[in-house]
Amino acid sequence: MPVLTDAEIEQRLTGAEEWHRGEDATIVRDLQLADFAAAIAFVNRVAEAAEAANHHPDILVHGWNKVRLTLSTHSQGGLTDADFALAREIDRLAA
């Protein structure tokens, strides 16, 4: 899977308002859930989707109800279509 160009990344981010570019060729989304239990339940749903896609985000649970998701295709050294496909699925789970 080829690494996306900067222009391709910006184009995909236009349709993904909750996501922004992070450091080291990543995209990042921060969420605030109702409480700790809701944050962990959400993380578990993301984990199931990630396993199904065989594409795994970095997940940080912090505070008592905050989750940060970071996507990158480490094996390719950048962002690929797989990252944006998983981002769309995460958006669906967060809705």
N, C-alpha and C. Protein backbone atom coordinates (compact mmCIF):
# COMPACT_ATOMS: atom_id res chain seq x y z
N MET A 1 0.85 -1.17 0.00
CA MET A 1 0.00 0.00 0.00
C MET A 1 0.90 1.24 0.00
N PRO A 2 0.73 2.11 -0.97
CA PRO A 2 1.63 3.28 -1.06
C PRO A 2 1.33 4.35 -0.01
N VAL A 3 2.38 5.05 0.36
CA VAL A 3 2.25 6.18 1.27
C VAL A 3 1.58 7.33 0.52
N LEU A 4 0.65 8.01 1.18
CA LEU A 4 -0.05 9.13 0.56
C LEU A 4 0.83 10.37 0.51
N THR A 5 0.61 11.18 -0.50
CA THR A 5 1.32 12.46 -0.60
C THR A 5 0.67 13.46 0.35
N ASP A 6 1.35 14.57 0.59
CA ASP A 6 0.79 15.62 1.44
C ASP A 6 -0.55 16.11 0.89
N ALA A 7 -0.65 16.27 -0.41
CA ALA A 7 -1.90 16.73 -1.02
C ALA A 7 -3.02 15.71 -0.81
N GLU A 8 -2.72 14.43 -0.94
CA GLU A 8 -3.73 13.38 -0.72
C GLU A 8 -4.17 13.36 0.74
N ILE A 9 -3.24 13.54 1.65
CA ILE A 9 -3.57 13.57 3.08
C ILE A 9 -4.49 14.75 3.38
N GLU A 10 -4.14 15.92 2.89
CA GLU A 10 -4.97 17.10 3.13
C GLU A 10 -6.36 16.92 2.54
N GLN A 11 -6.45 16.32 1.38
CA GLN A 11 -7.75 16.07 0.75
C GLN A 11 -8.60 15.16 1.63
N ARG A 12 -8.02 14.10 2.17
CA ARG A 12 -8.76 13.17 3.02
C ARG A 12 -9.13 13.81 4.36
N LEU A 13 -8.28 14.67 4.88
CA LEU A 13 -8.59 15.35 6.14
C LEU A 13 -9.73 16.34 6.00
N THR A 14 -9.95 16.85 4.79
CA THR A 14 -11.05 17.78 4.54
C THR A 14 -12.38 17.13 4.89
N GLY A 15 -12.49 15.84 4.64
CA GLY A 15 -13.73 15.13 4.94
C GLY A 15 -13.73 14.48 6.31
N ALA A 16 -12.73 14.72 7.11
CA ALA A 16 -12.60 14.08 8.43
C ALA A 16 -12.30 15.15 9.47
N GLU A 17 -13.28 15.98 9.76
CA GLU A 17 -13.07 17.16 10.59
C GLU A 17 -12.52 16.89 11.98
N GLU A 18 -12.79 15.71 12.53
CA GLU A 18 -12.35 15.39 13.88
C GLU A 18 -10.86 15.01 13.93
N TRP A 19 -10.27 14.75 12.80
CA TRP A 19 -8.88 14.30 12.74
C TRP A 19 -7.97 15.45 12.34
N HIS A 20 -6.75 15.43 12.86
CA HIS A 20 -5.75 16.41 12.44
C HIS A 20 -4.40 15.70 12.29
N ARG A 21 -3.52 16.36 11.58
CA ARG A 21 -2.18 15.79 11.41
C ARG A 21 -1.42 15.87 12.72
N GLY A 22 -0.76 14.79 13.02
CA GLY A 22 0.10 14.75 14.19
C GLY A 22 1.55 14.79 13.76
N GLU A 23 2.41 14.46 14.68
CA GLU A 23 3.84 14.40 14.38
C GLU A 23 4.17 13.07 13.71
N ASP A 24 5.29 13.05 13.02
CA ASP A 24 5.82 11.81 12.46
C ASP A 24 4.83 11.07 11.56
N ALA A 25 4.21 11.78 10.63
CA ALA A 25 3.34 11.17 9.62
C ALA A 25 2.19 10.39 10.26
N THR A 26 1.42 11.07 11.11
CA THR A 26 0.27 10.46 11.76
C THR A 26 -0.95 11.37 11.61
N ILE A 27 -2.12 10.76 11.85
CA ILE A 27 -3.33 11.54 12.07
C ILE A 27 -3.82 11.20 13.48
N VAL A 28 -4.46 12.19 14.12
CA VAL A 28 -4.82 12.07 15.53
C VAL A 28 -6.25 12.54 15.74
N ARG A 29 -6.95 11.82 16.61
CA ARG A 29 -8.28 12.26 17.04
C ARG A 29 -8.35 12.15 18.56
N ASP A 30 -8.85 13.21 19.19
CA ASP A 30 -9.08 13.23 20.63
C ASP A 30 -10.57 13.18 20.89
N LEU A 31 -10.96 12.37 21.85
CA LEU A 31 -12.36 12.26 22.23
C LEU A 31 -12.50 12.43 23.73
N GLN A 32 -13.63 12.96 24.14
CA GLN A 32 -13.97 13.03 25.55
C GLN A 32 -15.28 12.28 25.73
N LEU A 33 -15.27 11.24 26.54
CA LEU A 33 -16.43 10.41 26.76
C LEU A 33 -17.10 10.78 28.08
N ALA A 34 -18.23 10.16 28.37
CA ALA A 34 -19.02 10.50 29.55
C ALA A 34 -18.26 10.22 30.86
N ASP A 35 -17.54 9.11 30.89
CA ASP A 35 -16.82 8.73 32.10
C ASP A 35 -15.77 7.68 31.74
N PHE A 36 -15.07 7.17 32.75
CA PHE A 36 -14.01 6.19 32.51
C PHE A 36 -14.55 4.92 31.86
N ALA A 37 -15.68 4.43 32.35
CA ALA A 37 -16.25 3.21 31.79
C ALA A 37 -16.60 3.39 30.31
N ALA A 38 -17.14 4.55 29.96
CA ALA A 38 -17.48 4.82 28.55
C ALA A 38 -16.22 4.90 27.70
N ALA A 39 -15.15 5.47 28.25
CA ALA A 39 -13.89 5.55 27.51
C ALA A 39 -13.34 4.16 27.22
N ILE A 40 -13.36 3.29 28.22
CA ILE A 40 -12.84 1.93 28.05
C ILE A 40 -13.73 1.14 27.10
N ALA A 41 -15.04 1.30 27.20
CA ALA A 41 -15.95 0.61 26.28
C ALA A 41 -15.68 1.05 24.83
N PHE A 42 -15.46 2.34 24.63
CA PHE A 42 -15.15 2.85 23.30
C PHE A 42 -13.83 2.25 22.80
N VAL A 43 -12.81 2.24 23.65
CA VAL A 43 -11.53 1.66 23.27
C VAL A 43 -11.70 0.19 22.86
N ASN A 44 -12.52 -0.54 23.57
CA ASN A 44 -12.76 -1.94 23.22
C ASN A 44 -13.42 -2.07 21.85
N ARG A 45 -14.35 -1.17 21.53
CA ARG A 45 -14.98 -1.20 20.20
C ARG A 45 -13.96 -0.88 19.10
N VAL A 46 -13.10 0.09 19.39
CA VAL A 46 -12.03 0.43 18.43
C VAL A 46 -11.09 -0.76 18.26
N ALA A 47 -10.77 -1.43 19.34
CA ALA A 47 -9.87 -2.59 19.27
C ALA A 47 -10.47 -3.69 18.39
N GLU A 48 -11.76 -3.93 18.51
CA GLU A 48 -12.41 -4.94 17.66
C GLU A 48 -12.33 -4.55 16.19
N ALA A 49 -12.61 -3.29 15.89
CA ALA A 49 -12.55 -2.81 14.50
C ALA A 49 -11.11 -2.89 13.98
N ALA A 50 -10.15 -2.54 14.81
CA ALA A 50 -8.74 -2.58 14.40
C ALA A 50 -8.30 -4.01 14.11
N GLU A 51 -8.71 -4.94 14.95
CA GLU A 51 -8.38 -6.35 14.72
C GLU A 51 -8.98 -6.83 13.41
N ALA A 52 -10.23 -6.46 13.17
CA ALA A 52 -10.90 -6.88 11.93
C ALA A 52 -10.19 -6.32 10.71
N ALA A 53 -9.65 -5.11 10.83
CA ALA A 53 -8.95 -4.47 9.71
C ALA A 53 -7.48 -4.84 9.66
N ASN A 54 -6.99 -5.53 10.69
CA ASN A 54 -5.56 -5.84 10.83
C ASN A 54 -4.73 -4.55 10.69
N HIS A 55 -5.22 -3.51 11.37
CA HIS A 55 -4.56 -2.21 11.34
C HIS A 55 -4.79 -1.57 12.70
N HIS A 56 -3.73 -1.34 13.46
CA HIS A 56 -3.86 -1.04 14.87
C HIS A 56 -3.38 0.37 15.22
N PRO A 57 -4.27 1.18 15.77
CA PRO A 57 -3.88 2.54 16.17
C PRO A 57 -3.12 2.52 17.50
N ASP A 58 -2.40 3.59 17.77
CA ASP A 58 -1.90 3.83 19.11
C ASP A 58 -3.08 4.43 19.88
N ILE A 59 -3.32 3.92 21.08
CA ILE A 59 -4.46 4.36 21.89
C ILE A 59 -3.95 4.82 23.24
N LEU A 60 -4.34 6.03 23.62
CA LEU A 60 -3.99 6.58 24.93
C LEU A 60 -5.28 6.93 25.66
N VAL A 61 -5.47 6.33 26.83
CA VAL A 61 -6.57 6.71 27.71
C VAL A 61 -5.95 7.59 28.78
N HIS A 62 -6.45 8.81 28.92
CA HIS A 62 -5.87 9.73 29.90
C HIS A 62 -6.97 10.53 30.57
N GLY A 63 -6.59 11.17 31.68
CA GLY A 63 -7.64 11.78 32.47
C GLY A 63 -8.55 10.65 32.94
N TRP A 64 -9.75 10.92 33.14
CA TRP A 64 -10.67 9.84 33.53
C TRP A 64 -11.68 9.50 32.43
N ASN A 65 -11.65 10.31 31.35
CA ASN A 65 -12.64 10.06 30.30
C ASN A 65 -12.16 10.48 28.91
N LYS A 66 -10.86 10.59 28.72
CA LYS A 66 -10.34 11.05 27.44
C LYS A 66 -9.56 9.94 26.73
N VAL A 67 -9.73 9.93 25.40
CA VAL A 67 -9.05 8.94 24.56
C VAL A 67 -8.39 9.68 23.41
N ARG A 68 -7.13 9.37 23.15
CA ARG A 68 -6.43 9.88 21.97
C ARG A 68 -6.08 8.68 21.09
N LEU A 69 -6.47 8.79 19.82
CA LEU A 69 -6.16 7.75 18.83
C LEU A 69 -5.19 8.32 17.81
N THR A 70 -4.13 7.58 17.54
CA THR A 70 -3.12 8.01 16.58
C THR A 70 -2.97 6.91 15.53
N LEU A 71 -3.12 7.29 14.27
CA LEU A 71 -3.03 6.34 13.16
C LEU A 71 -1.84 6.65 12.27
N SER A 72 -1.18 5.59 11.86
CA SER A 72 -0.10 5.64 10.88
C SER A 72 0.16 4.21 10.43
N THR A 73 0.64 4.06 9.22
CA THR A 73 1.01 2.73 8.76
C THR A 73 2.51 2.60 8.97
N HIS A 74 2.88 2.09 10.14
CA HIS A 74 4.28 2.03 10.54
C HIS A 74 5.13 1.25 9.53
N SER A 75 4.57 0.18 8.99
CA SER A 75 5.34 -0.64 8.05
C SER A 75 5.68 0.11 6.76
N GLN A 76 4.90 1.15 6.44
CA GLN A 76 5.14 1.94 5.23
C GLN A 76 5.83 3.26 5.54
N GLY A 77 5.93 3.59 6.81
CA GLY A 77 6.60 4.83 7.20
C GLY A 77 5.80 6.09 6.92
N GLY A 78 4.48 5.97 6.94
CA GLY A 78 3.64 7.14 6.69
C GLY A 78 2.17 6.79 6.70
N LEU A 79 1.37 7.69 6.16
CA LEU A 79 -0.06 7.50 6.11
C LEU A 79 -0.47 6.85 4.79
N THR A 80 -1.40 5.90 4.90
CA THR A 80 -1.91 5.20 3.72
C THR A 80 -3.43 5.21 3.76
N ASP A 81 -4.04 4.65 2.72
CA ASP A 81 -5.49 4.54 2.69
C ASP A 81 -6.03 3.75 3.88
N ALA A 82 -5.26 2.79 4.39
CA ALA A 82 -5.69 2.00 5.54
C ALA A 82 -5.94 2.88 6.76
N ASP A 83 -5.13 3.90 6.94
CA ASP A 83 -5.33 4.80 8.08
C ASP A 83 -6.65 5.55 7.97
N PHE A 84 -6.96 6.02 6.79
CA PHE A 84 -8.19 6.78 6.62
C PHE A 84 -9.41 5.88 6.62
N ALA A 85 -9.27 4.64 6.19
CA ALA A 85 -10.38 3.70 6.28
C ALA A 85 -10.69 3.40 7.75
N LEU A 86 -9.66 3.18 8.56
CA LEU A 86 -9.89 2.94 9.97
C LEU A 86 -10.41 4.20 10.66
N ALA A 87 -9.93 5.36 10.26
CA ALA A 87 -10.44 6.61 10.83
C ALA A 87 -11.93 6.75 10.58
N ARG A 88 -12.39 6.40 9.38
CA ARG A 88 -13.83 6.46 9.08
C ARG A 88 -14.61 5.50 9.97
N GLU A 89 -14.06 4.31 10.20
CA GLU A 89 -14.73 3.34 11.06
C GLU A 89 -14.76 3.84 12.51
N ILE A 90 -13.68 4.44 12.97
CA ILE A 90 -13.66 5.02 14.31
C ILE A 90 -14.68 6.13 14.43
N ASP A 91 -14.80 6.95 13.41
CA ASP A 91 -15.81 8.01 13.42
C ASP A 91 -17.21 7.42 13.54
N ARG A 92 -17.45 6.33 12.83
CA ARG A 92 -18.75 5.66 12.90
C ARG A 92 -19.00 5.15 14.33
N LEU A 93 -17.97 4.58 14.94
CA LEU A 93 -18.13 4.07 16.30
C LEU A 93 -18.34 5.19 17.32
N ALA A 94 -17.77 6.35 17.05
CA ALA A 94 -17.89 7.48 17.98
C ALA A 94 -19.23 8.21 17.85
N ALA A 95 -19.90 8.00 16.72
CA ALA A 95 -21.16 8.73 16.48
C ALA A 95 -22.28 8.24 17.38
